[in-house]
PDB file of all heavy atoms in Angstrom:
ATOM      1  N   VAL A   1      -6.033  12.238   5.193  1.00  0.00           N
ATOM      2  CA  VAL A   1      -6.682  10.954   5.284  1.00  0.00           C
ATOM      3  C   VAL A   1      -6.024  10.088   6.361  1.00  0.00           C
ATOM      4  O   VAL A   1      -6.768   9.385   7.168  1.00  0.00           O
ATOM      5  CB  VAL A   1      -6.571  10.173   3.869  1.00  0.00           C
ATOM      6  CG1 VAL A   1      -7.051   8.721   3.978  1.00  0.00           C
ATOM      7  CG2 VAL A   1      -7.259  10.942   2.852  1.00  0.00           C
ATOM      8  N   LEU A   2      -4.737  10.119   6.533  1.00  0.00           N
ATOM      9  CA  LEU A   2      -4.113   9.252   7.509  1.00  0.00           C
ATOM     10  C   LEU A   2      -4.455   9.657   8.914  1.00  0.00           C
ATOM     11  O   LEU A   2      -4.453   8.824   9.856  1.00  0.00           O
ATOM     12  CB  LEU A   2      -2.649   9.350   7.403  1.00  0.00           C
ATOM     13  CG  LEU A   2      -2.079   8.618   6.190  1.00  0.00           C
ATOM     14  CD1 LEU A   2      -0.587   8.930   5.931  1.00  0.00           C
ATOM     15  CD2 LEU A   2      -2.116   7.035   6.337  1.00  0.00           C
ATOM     16  N   LYS A   3      -4.942  10.917   9.212  1.00  0.00           N
ATOM     17  CA  LYS A   3      -5.368  11.335  10.464  1.00  0.00           C
ATOM     18  C   LYS A   3      -6.535  10.491  10.948  1.00  0.00           C
ATOM     19  O   LYS A   3      -6.688  10.262  12.157  1.00  0.00           O
ATOM     20  CB  LYS A   3      -5.784  12.811  10.432  1.00  0.00           C
ATOM     21  CG  LYS A   3      -4.772  13.839  10.328  1.00  0.00           C
ATOM     22  CD  LYS A   3      -5.400  15.173  10.411  1.00  0.00           C
ATOM     23  CE  LYS A   3      -4.321  16.309  10.173  1.00  0.00           C
ATOM     24  NZ  LYS A   3      -4.949  17.620  10.140  1.00  0.00           N
ATOM     25  N   THR A   4      -7.270   9.912   9.977  1.00  0.00           N
ATOM     26  CA  THR A   4      -8.435   9.100  10.374  1.00  0.00           C
ATOM     27  C   THR A   4      -8.060   7.776  10.966  1.00  0.00           C
ATOM     28  O   THR A   4      -8.828   7.164  11.620  1.00  0.00           O
ATOM     29  CB  THR A   4      -9.345   8.817   9.111  1.00  0.00           C
ATOM     30  OG1 THR A   4      -9.674  10.077   8.438  1.00  0.00           O
ATOM     31  CG2 THR A   4     -10.569   8.079   9.385  1.00  0.00           C
ATOM     32  N   PHE A   5      -6.877   7.356  10.778  1.00  0.00           N
ATOM     33  CA  PHE A   5      -6.453   5.936  11.064  1.00  0.00           C
ATOM     34  C   PHE A   5      -5.521   5.909  12.289  1.00  0.00           C
ATOM     35  O   PHE A   5      -4.723   5.065  12.434  1.00  0.00           O
ATOM     36  CB  PHE A   5      -5.738   5.329   9.882  1.00  0.00           C
ATOM     37  CG  PHE A   5      -6.509   5.459   8.606  1.00  0.00           C
ATOM     38  CD1 PHE A   5      -5.826   5.775   7.457  1.00  0.00           C
ATOM     39  CD2 PHE A   5      -7.818   5.231   8.549  1.00  0.00           C
ATOM     40  CE1 PHE A   5      -6.558   5.817   6.214  1.00  0.00           C
ATOM     41  CE2 PHE A   5      -8.641   5.355   7.330  1.00  0.00           C
ATOM     42  CZ  PHE A   5      -7.907   5.706   6.242  1.00  0.00           C
ATOM     43  N   ASP A   6      -5.716   6.889  13.186  1.00  0.00           N
ATOM     44  CA  ASP A   6      -4.816   6.964  14.379  1.00  0.00           C
ATOM     45  C   ASP A   6      -5.124   5.740  15.285  1.00  0.00           C
ATOM     46  O   ASP A   6      -4.262   5.347  16.106  1.00  0.00           O
ATOM     47  CB  ASP A   6      -5.037   8.179  15.162  1.00  0.00           C
ATOM     48  CG  ASP A   6      -6.523   8.518  15.562  1.00  0.00           C
ATOM     49  OD1 ASP A   6      -7.390   7.626  15.266  1.00  0.00           O
ATOM     50  OD2 ASP A   6      -6.729   9.544  16.121  1.00  0.00           O
ATOM     51  N   ARG A   7      -6.150   5.038  15.138  1.00  0.00           N
ATOM     52  CA  ARG A   7      -6.462   3.842  15.942  1.00  0.00           C
ATOM     53  C   ARG A   7      -6.054   2.584  15.215  1.00  0.00           C
ATOM     54  O   ARG A   7      -6.291   1.526  15.709  1.00  0.00           O
ATOM     55  CB  ARG A   7      -7.903   3.769  16.368  1.00  0.00           C
ATOM     56  CG  ARG A   7      -8.908   3.739  15.179  1.00  0.00           C
ATOM     57  CD  ARG A   7     -10.370   3.864  15.664  1.00  0.00           C
ATOM     58  NE  ARG A   7     -11.239   4.051  14.554  1.00  0.00           N
ATOM     59  CZ  ARG A   7     -12.068   3.047  14.094  1.00  0.00           C
ATOM     60  NH1 ARG A   7     -11.851   1.797  14.585  1.00  0.00           N
ATOM     61  NH2 ARG A   7     -12.869   3.334  13.036  1.00  0.00           N
ATOM     62  N   HIS A   8      -5.397   2.724  14.012  1.00  0.00           N
ATOM     63  CA  HIS A   8      -4.949   1.559  13.200  1.00  0.00           C
ATOM     64  C   HIS A   8      -3.476   1.606  13.119  1.00  0.00           C
ATOM     65  O   HIS A   8      -2.887   2.586  13.405  1.00  0.00           O
ATOM     66  CB  HIS A   8      -5.589   1.697  11.869  1.00  0.00           C
ATOM     67  CG  HIS A   8      -7.079   1.663  11.823  1.00  0.00           C
ATOM     68  ND1 HIS A   8      -7.902   0.601  11.651  1.00  0.00           N
ATOM     69  CD2 HIS A   8      -7.970   2.678  11.779  1.00  0.00           C
ATOM     70  CE1 HIS A   8      -9.118   0.855  11.668  1.00  0.00           C
ATOM     71  NE2 HIS A   8      -9.264   2.240  11.722  1.00  0.00           N
ATOM     72  N   ALA A   9      -2.922   0.445  12.707  1.00  0.00           N
ATOM     73  CA  ALA A   9      -1.568   0.403  12.215  1.00  0.00           C
ATOM     74  C   ALA A   9      -1.562   0.680  10.774  1.00  0.00           C
ATOM     75  O   ALA A   9      -1.933  -0.131   9.856  1.00  0.00           O
ATOM     76  CB  ALA A   9      -0.990  -1.032  12.453  1.00  0.00           C
ATOM     77  N   ALA A  10      -1.322   1.976  10.470  1.00  0.00           N
ATOM     78  CA  ALA A  10      -1.506   2.373   9.051  1.00  0.00           C
ATOM     79  C   ALA A  10      -0.128   2.769   8.304  1.00  0.00           C
ATOM     80  O   ALA A  10       0.858   3.182   8.964  1.00  0.00           O
ATOM     81  CB  ALA A  10      -2.283   3.724   9.015  1.00  0.00           C
ATOM     82  N   SER A  11      -0.130   2.442   7.059  1.00  0.00           N
ATOM     83  CA  SER A  11       1.107   2.726   6.297  1.00  0.00           C
ATOM     84  C   SER A  11       0.604   3.397   4.906  1.00  0.00           C
ATOM     85  O   SER A  11      -0.560   3.316   4.577  1.00  0.00           O
ATOM     86  CB  SER A  11       1.890   1.366   5.909  1.00  0.00           C
ATOM     87  OG  SER A  11       2.413   0.907   7.107  1.00  0.00           O
ATOM     88  N   LYS A  12       1.548   3.888   4.204  1.00  0.00           N
ATOM     89  CA  LYS A  12       1.278   4.589   2.992  1.00  0.00           C
ATOM     90  C   LYS A  12       2.167   4.051   1.871  1.00  0.00           C
ATOM     91  O   LYS A  12       3.388   3.917   2.247  1.00  0.00           O
ATOM     92  CB  LYS A  12       1.419   6.108   3.087  1.00  0.00           C
ATOM     93  CG  LYS A  12       1.211   6.926   1.847  1.00  0.00           C
ATOM     94  CD  LYS A  12       1.431   8.455   2.028  1.00  0.00           C
ATOM     95  CE  LYS A  12       2.835   8.724   2.344  1.00  0.00           C
ATOM     96  NZ  LYS A  12       3.165  10.190   2.323  1.00  0.00           N
ATOM     97  N   LEU A  13       1.649   3.961   0.634  1.00  0.00           N
ATOM     98  CA  LEU A  13       2.549   3.530  -0.471  1.00  0.00           C
ATOM     99  C   LEU A  13       2.144   4.440  -1.638  1.00  0.00           C
ATOM    100  O   LEU A  13       1.038   4.600  -1.938  1.00  0.00           O
ATOM    101  CB  LEU A  13       2.190   2.097  -0.777  1.00  0.00           C
ATOM    102  CG  LEU A  13       3.160   1.348  -1.729  1.00  0.00           C
ATOM    103  CD1 LEU A  13       4.630   1.367  -1.218  1.00  0.00           C
ATOM    104  CD2 LEU A  13       2.760  -0.087  -1.935  1.00  0.00           C
ATOM    105  N   GLU A  14       3.162   5.094  -2.138  1.00  0.00           N
ATOM    106  CA  GLU A  14       3.010   5.986  -3.394  1.00  0.00           C
ATOM    107  C   GLU A  14       3.590   5.331  -4.592  1.00  0.00           C
ATOM    108  O   GLU A  14       4.574   4.714  -4.581  1.00  0.00           O
ATOM    109  CB  GLU A  14       3.639   7.349  -3.082  1.00  0.00           C
ATOM    110  CG  GLU A  14       3.047   8.155  -2.001  1.00  0.00           C
ATOM    111  CD  GLU A  14       3.785   9.463  -1.886  1.00  0.00           C
ATOM    112  OE1 GLU A  14       4.325  10.038  -2.854  1.00  0.00           O
ATOM    113  OE2 GLU A  14       3.727  10.004  -0.781  1.00  0.00           O
ATOM    114  N   PHE A  15       2.853   5.694  -5.740  1.00  0.00           N
ATOM    115  CA  PHE A  15       3.373   5.199  -7.008  1.00  0.00           C
ATOM    116  C   PHE A  15       3.477   6.416  -8.019  1.00  0.00           C
ATOM    117  O   PHE A  15       2.883   7.384  -7.752  1.00  0.00           O
ATOM    118  CB  PHE A  15       2.318   4.149  -7.659  1.00  0.00           C
ATOM    119  CG  PHE A  15       2.364   2.863  -6.897  1.00  0.00           C
ATOM    120  CD1 PHE A  15       1.434   2.638  -5.927  1.00  0.00           C
ATOM    121  CD2 PHE A  15       3.303   1.904  -7.156  1.00  0.00           C
ATOM    122  CE1 PHE A  15       1.316   1.410  -5.301  1.00  0.00           C
ATOM    123  CE2 PHE A  15       3.241   0.696  -6.474  1.00  0.00           C
ATOM    124  CZ  PHE A  15       2.350   0.410  -5.577  1.00  0.00           C
ATOM    125  N   PRO A  16       4.280   6.236  -9.067  1.00  0.00           N
ATOM    126  CA  PRO A  16       4.366   7.360 -10.040  1.00  0.00           C
ATOM    127  C   PRO A  16       2.995   7.526 -10.600  1.00  0.00           C
ATOM    128  O   PRO A  16       2.164   6.553 -10.810  1.00  0.00           O
ATOM    129  CB  PRO A  16       5.312   6.790 -11.103  1.00  0.00           C
ATOM    130  CG  PRO A  16       6.207   5.743 -10.398  1.00  0.00           C
ATOM    131  CD  PRO A  16       5.306   5.087  -9.381  1.00  0.00           C
ATOM    132  N   ALA A  17       2.643   8.775 -10.921  1.00  0.00           N
ATOM    133  CA  ALA A  17       1.306   8.995 -11.521  1.00  0.00           C
ATOM    134  C   ALA A  17       1.243   8.480 -12.951  1.00  0.00           C
ATOM    135  O   ALA A  17       2.329   8.497 -13.703  1.00  0.00           O
ATOM    136  CB  ALA A  17       1.077  10.487 -11.514  1.00  0.00           C
ATOM    137  N   GLY A  18       0.067   8.012 -13.441  1.00  0.00           N
ATOM    138  CA  GLY A  18      -0.112   7.669 -14.781  1.00  0.00           C
ATOM    139  C   GLY A  18      -0.378   6.133 -14.889  1.00  0.00           C
ATOM    140  O   GLY A  18      -0.203   5.263 -14.046  1.00  0.00           O
ATOM    141  N   GLU A  19      -0.780   5.706 -16.214  1.00  0.00           N
ATOM    142  CA  GLU A  19      -1.302   4.475 -16.492  1.00  0.00           C
ATOM    143  C   GLU A  19      -0.192   3.302 -16.290  1.00  0.00           C
ATOM    144  O   GLU A  19      -0.510   2.194 -16.123  1.00  0.00           O
ATOM    145  CB  GLU A  19      -1.795   4.446 -17.882  1.00  0.00           C
ATOM    146  CG  GLU A  19      -2.797   3.357 -18.329  1.00  0.00           C
ATOM    147  CD  GLU A  19      -4.157   3.390 -17.713  1.00  0.00           C
ATOM    148  OE1 GLU A  19      -4.553   4.652 -17.492  1.00  0.00           O
ATOM    149  OE2 GLU A  19      -4.753   2.342 -17.398  1.00  0.00           O
ATOM    150  N   LEU A  20       1.100   3.699 -16.417  1.00  0.00           N
ATOM    151  CA  LEU A  20       2.004   2.722 -16.335  1.00  0.00           C
ATOM    152  C   LEU A  20       2.204   2.127 -14.979  1.00  0.00           C
ATOM    153  O   LEU A  20       2.703   0.898 -14.781  1.00  0.00           O
ATOM    154  CB  LEU A  20       3.466   3.294 -16.763  1.00  0.00           C
ATOM    155  CG  LEU A  20       3.645   3.678 -18.228  1.00  0.00           C
ATOM    156  CD1 LEU A  20       4.984   4.304 -18.433  1.00  0.00           C
ATOM    157  CD2 LEU A  20       3.436   2.508 -19.154  1.00  0.00           C
ATOM    158  N   SER A  21       1.543   2.729 -13.938  1.00  0.00           N
ATOM    159  CA  SER A  21       1.619   2.147 -12.612  1.00  0.00           C
ATOM    160  C   SER A  21       0.524   1.015 -12.366  1.00  0.00           C
ATOM    161  O   SER A  21       0.540   0.346 -11.394  1.00  0.00           O
ATOM    162  CB  SER A  21       1.426   3.233 -11.561  1.00  0.00           C
ATOM    163  OG  SER A  21       2.625   4.073 -11.478  1.00  0.00           O
ATOM    164  N   LYS A  22      -0.212   0.879 -13.336  1.00  0.00           N
ATOM    165  CA  LYS A  22      -1.374  -0.051 -13.294  1.00  0.00           C
ATOM    166  C   LYS A  22      -0.843  -1.493 -13.733  1.00  0.00           C
ATOM    167  O   LYS A  22      -1.216  -1.835 -14.839  1.00  0.00           O
ATOM    168  CB  LYS A  22      -2.610   0.330 -14.118  1.00  0.00           C
ATOM    169  CG  LYS A  22      -3.880  -0.307 -13.668  1.00  0.00           C
ATOM    170  CD  LYS A  22      -4.997   0.517 -14.277  1.00  0.00           C
ATOM    171  CE  LYS A  22      -6.096  -0.368 -14.781  1.00  0.00           C
ATOM    172  NZ  LYS A  22      -7.255   0.457 -15.451  1.00  0.00           N
ATOM    173  N   SER A  23       0.061  -2.135 -13.027  1.00  0.00           N
ATOM    174  CA  SER A  23       0.872  -3.192 -13.403  1.00  0.00           C
ATOM    175  C   SER A  23       1.020  -4.271 -12.404  1.00  0.00           C
ATOM    176  O   SER A  23       0.767  -3.975 -11.153  1.00  0.00           O
ATOM    177  CB  SER A  23       2.223  -2.681 -13.864  1.00  0.00           C
ATOM    178  OG  SER A  23       2.992  -2.246 -12.790  1.00  0.00           O
ATOM    179  N   PHE A  24       1.483  -5.379 -12.832  1.00  0.00           N
ATOM    180  CA  PHE A  24       1.760  -6.474 -11.899  1.00  0.00           C
ATOM    181  C   PHE A  24       2.881  -6.165 -10.983  1.00  0.00           C
ATOM    182  O   PHE A  24       3.009  -6.488  -9.758  1.00  0.00           O
ATOM    183  CB  PHE A  24       2.128  -7.827 -12.640  1.00  0.00           C
ATOM    184  CG  PHE A  24       0.973  -8.532 -13.117  1.00  0.00           C
ATOM    185  CD1 PHE A  24       0.791  -8.723 -14.423  1.00  0.00           C
ATOM    186  CD2 PHE A  24       0.008  -9.041 -12.232  1.00  0.00           C
ATOM    187  CE1 PHE A  24      -0.324  -9.460 -14.861  1.00  0.00           C
ATOM    188  CE2 PHE A  24      -1.060  -9.794 -12.620  1.00  0.00           C
ATOM    189  CZ  PHE A  24      -1.272 -10.021 -13.993  1.00  0.00           C
ATOM    190  N   GLU A  25       3.861  -5.307 -11.472  1.00  0.00           N
ATOM    191  CA  GLU A  25       4.950  -4.842 -10.592  1.00  0.00           C
ATOM    192  C   GLU A  25       4.594  -3.970  -9.473  1.00  0.00           C
ATOM    193  O   GLU A  25       4.946  -4.130  -8.372  1.00  0.00           O
ATOM    194  CB  GLU A  25       6.062  -4.060 -11.442  1.00  0.00           C
ATOM    195  CG  GLU A  25       6.797  -4.953 -12.406  1.00  0.00           C
ATOM    196  CD  GLU A  25       5.968  -5.321 -13.660  1.00  0.00           C
ATOM    197  OE1 GLU A  25       4.876  -4.714 -13.935  1.00  0.00           O
ATOM    198  OE2 GLU A  25       6.459  -6.211 -14.413  1.00  0.00           O
ATOM    199  N   ALA A  26       3.558  -3.153  -9.752  1.00  0.00           N
ATOM    200  CA  ALA A  26       3.048  -2.354  -8.687  1.00  0.00           C
ATOM    201  C   ALA A  26       2.201  -3.149  -7.734  1.00  0.00           C
ATOM    202  O   ALA A  26       2.255  -2.877  -6.492  1.00  0.00           O
ATOM    203  CB  ALA A  26       2.112  -1.236  -9.299  1.00  0.00           C
ATOM    204  N   CYS A  27       1.442  -4.176  -8.098  1.00  0.00           N
ATOM    205  CA  CYS A  27       0.738  -4.996  -7.291  1.00  0.00           C
ATOM    206  C   CYS A  27       1.681  -5.738  -6.340  1.00  0.00           C
ATOM    207  O   CYS A  27       1.413  -5.919  -5.144  1.00  0.00           O
ATOM    208  CB  CYS A  27       0.037  -6.064  -8.133  1.00  0.00           C
ATOM    209  SG  CYS A  27      -1.732  -5.570  -8.459  1.00  0.00           S
ATOM    210  N   GLU A  28       2.807  -6.226  -6.931  1.00  0.00           N
ATOM    211  CA  GLU A  28       3.781  -6.939  -6.085  1.00  0.00           C
ATOM    212  C   GLU A  28       4.329  -6.020  -5.003  1.00  0.00           C
ATOM    213  O   GLU A  28       4.543  -6.412  -3.875  1.00  0.00           O
ATOM    214  CB  GLU A  28       4.899  -7.473  -6.924  1.00  0.00           C
ATOM    215  CG  GLU A  28       5.971  -8.220  -6.178  1.00  0.00           C
ATOM    216  CD  GLU A  28       7.026  -8.824  -7.029  1.00  0.00           C
ATOM    217  OE1 GLU A  28       7.085  -8.534  -8.315  1.00  0.00           O
ATOM    218  OE2 GLU A  28       7.866  -9.601  -6.590  1.00  0.00           O
ATOM    219  N   ALA A  29       4.474  -4.765  -5.259  1.00  0.00           N
ATOM    220  CA  ALA A  29       4.960  -3.844  -4.307  1.00  0.00           C
ATOM    221  C   ALA A  29       3.903  -3.676  -3.047  1.00  0.00           C
ATOM    222  O   ALA A  29       4.174  -3.593  -1.935  1.00  0.00           O
ATOM    223  CB  ALA A  29       5.200  -2.464  -4.853  1.00  0.00           C
ATOM    224  N   ILE A  30       2.506  -3.658  -3.522  1.00  0.00           N
ATOM    225  CA  ILE A  30       1.527  -3.666  -2.495  1.00  0.00           C
ATOM    226  C   ILE A  30       1.496  -4.900  -1.693  1.00  0.00           C
ATOM    227  O   ILE A  30       1.375  -4.839  -0.479  1.00  0.00           O
ATOM    228  CB  ILE A  30       0.161  -3.420  -3.199  1.00  0.00           C
ATOM    229  CG1 ILE A  30       0.094  -2.082  -3.998  1.00  0.00           C
ATOM    230  CG2 ILE A  30      -0.993  -3.550  -2.197  1.00  0.00           C
ATOM    231  CD1 ILE A  30      -1.156  -1.857  -4.751  1.00  0.00           C
ATOM    232  N   PHE A  31       1.667  -6.061  -2.324  1.00  0.00           N
ATOM    233  CA  PHE A  31       1.683  -7.356  -1.563  1.00  0.00           C
ATOM    234  C   PHE A  31       2.860  -7.299  -0.547  1.00  0.00           C
ATOM    235  O   PHE A  31       2.707  -7.787   0.591  1.00  0.00           O
ATOM    236  CB  PHE A  31       1.712  -8.482  -2.437  1.00  0.00           C
ATOM    237  CG  PHE A  31       0.598  -8.594  -3.482  1.00  0.00           C
ATOM    238  CD1 PHE A  31       0.737  -9.121  -4.733  1.00  0.00           C
ATOM    239  CD2 PHE A  31      -0.703  -8.190  -3.003  1.00  0.00           C
ATOM    240  CE1 PHE A  31      -0.290  -9.262  -5.562  1.00  0.00           C
ATOM    241  CE2 PHE A  31      -1.734  -8.364  -3.951  1.00  0.00           C
ATOM    242  CZ  PHE A  31      -1.536  -8.801  -5.179  1.00  0.00           C
ATOM    243  N   ASP A  32       3.986  -6.820  -0.996  1.00  0.00           N
ATOM    244  CA  ASP A  32       5.117  -6.753  -0.118  1.00  0.00           C
ATOM    245  C   ASP A  32       4.851  -5.863   1.050  1.00  0.00           C
ATOM    246  O   ASP A  32       5.272  -6.232   2.215  1.00  0.00           O
ATOM    247  CB  ASP A  32       6.402  -6.314  -0.863  1.00  0.00           C
ATOM    248  CG  ASP A  32       6.985  -7.282  -1.882  1.00  0.00           C
ATOM    249  OD1 ASP A  32       6.635  -8.510  -1.743  1.00  0.00           O
ATOM    250  OD2 ASP A  32       7.688  -6.907  -2.739  1.00  0.00           O
ATOM    251  N   ALA A  33       4.240  -4.743   0.841  1.00  0.00           N
ATOM    252  CA  ALA A  33       3.981  -3.782   1.863  1.00  0.00           C
ATOM    253  C   ALA A  33       2.924  -4.404   2.930  1.00  0.00           C
ATOM    254  O   ALA A  33       3.038  -4.332   4.155  1.00  0.00           O
ATOM    255  CB  ALA A  33       3.355  -2.473   1.321  1.00  0.00           C
ATOM    256  N   LEU A  34       1.987  -5.105   2.415  1.00  0.00           N
ATOM    257  CA  LEU A  34       0.984  -5.802   3.247  1.00  0.00           C
ATOM    258  C   LEU A  34       1.544  -6.971   4.070  1.00  0.00           C
ATOM    259  O   LEU A  34       1.364  -7.048   5.306  1.00  0.00           O
ATOM    260  CB  LEU A  34      -0.176  -6.392   2.368  1.00  0.00           C
ATOM    261  CG  LEU A  34      -1.097  -5.425   1.757  1.00  0.00           C
ATOM    262  CD1 LEU A  34      -1.989  -6.176   0.719  1.00  0.00           C
ATOM    263  CD2 LEU A  34      -2.087  -4.760   2.862  1.00  0.00           C
ATOM    264  N   ALA A  35       2.590  -7.604   3.477  1.00  0.00           N
ATOM    265  CA  ALA A  35       3.257  -8.708   4.178  1.00  0.00           C
ATOM    266  C   ALA A  35       4.174  -8.145   5.196  1.00  0.00           C
ATOM    267  O   ALA A  35       4.116  -8.648   6.388  1.00  0.00           O
ATOM    268  CB  ALA A  35       4.043  -9.479   3.148  1.00  0.00           C
ATOM    269  N   GLU A  36       4.754  -7.020   4.960  1.00  0.00           N
ATOM    270  CA  GLU A  36       5.631  -6.339   6.050  1.00  0.00           C
ATOM    271  C   GLU A  36       4.787  -5.913   7.213  1.00  0.00           C
ATOM    272  O   GLU A  36       5.273  -5.897   8.277  1.00  0.00           O
ATOM    273  CB  GLU A  36       6.464  -5.314   5.308  1.00  0.00           C
ATOM    274  CG  GLU A  36       7.453  -4.673   6.221  1.00  0.00           C
ATOM    275  CD  GLU A  36       8.324  -3.570   5.453  1.00  0.00           C
ATOM    276  OE1 GLU A  36       8.412  -3.711   4.205  1.00  0.00           O
ATOM    277  OE2 GLU A  36       8.886  -2.787   6.185  1.00  0.00           O
ATOM    278  N   MET A  37       3.602  -5.436   6.849  1.00  0.00           N
ATOM    279  CA  MET A  37       2.774  -4.932   7.889  1.00  0.00           C
ATOM    280  C   MET A  37       2.197  -6.107   8.821  1.00  0.00           C
ATOM    281  O   MET A  37       1.655  -5.963   9.839  1.00  0.00           O
ATOM    282  CB  MET A  37       1.490  -4.170   7.395  1.00  0.00           C
ATOM    283  CG  MET A  37       1.837  -2.829   6.679  1.00  0.00           C
ATOM    284  SD  MET A  37       0.355  -2.190   5.849  1.00  0.00           S
ATOM    285  CE  MET A  37      -0.646  -1.726   7.185  1.00  0.00           C
ATOM    286  N   GLY A  38       2.228  -7.344   8.237  1.00  0.00           N
ATOM    287  CA  GLY A  38       1.540  -8.423   8.894  1.00  0.00           C
ATOM    288  C   GLY A  38       0.023  -8.314   8.724  1.00  0.00           C
ATOM    289  O   GLY A  38      -0.764  -8.871   9.561  1.00  0.00           O
ATOM    290  N   ALA A  39      -0.450  -7.794   7.557  1.00  0.00           N
ATOM    291  CA  ALA A  39      -1.829  -7.589   7.336  1.00  0.00           C
ATOM    292  C   ALA A  39      -2.551  -8.875   7.133  1.00  0.00           C
ATOM    293  O   ALA A  39      -2.192  -9.810   6.390  1.00  0.00           O
ATOM    294  CB  ALA A  39      -2.039  -6.788   6.104  1.00  0.00           C
ATOM    295  N   SER A  40      -3.669  -9.074   7.914  1.00  0.00           N
ATOM    296  CA  SER A  40      -4.450 -10.240   7.887  1.00  0.00           C
ATOM    297  C   SER A  40      -5.659 -10.034   7.059  1.00  0.00           C
ATOM    298  O   SER A  40      -5.846  -9.010   6.405  1.00  0.00           O
ATOM    299  CB  SER A  40      -4.885 -10.715   9.337  1.00  0.00           C
ATOM    300  OG  SER A  40      -5.412  -9.651  10.042  1.00  0.00           O
ATOM    301  N   ARG A  41      -6.675 -10.911   7.097  1.00  0.00           N
ATOM    302  CA  ARG A  41      -7.799 -10.832   6.272  1.00  0.00           C
ATOM    303  C   ARG A  41      -8.739  -9.762   6.587  1.00  0.00           C
ATOM    304  O   ARG A  41      -9.720  -9.389   5.846  1.00  0.00           O
ATOM    305  CB  ARG A  41      -8.605 -12.236   6.282  1.00  0.00           C
ATOM    306  CG  ARG A  41      -7.751 -13.350   5.637  1.00  0.00           C
ATOM    307  CD  ARG A  41      -8.585 -14.502   5.328  1.00  0.00           C
ATOM    308  NE  ARG A  41      -9.527 -14.353   4.289  1.00  0.00           N
ATOM    309  CZ  ARG A  41     -10.340 -15.345   3.745  1.00  0.00           C
ATOM    310  NH1 ARG A  41     -10.303 -16.569   4.317  1.00  0.00           N
ATOM    311  NH2 ARG A  41     -11.122 -15.045   2.792  1.00  0.00           N
TER     312      ARG A  41
END
């Protein structure tokens, strides 16, 4: 999948498999990653 984004500034974030990852803590990790990338709208 990442091969498709060679013209982008791309990053990857992995979570443990399973329902417990569907949480606010996981969301916060995504927001932190987006902020670190400088992701805009």
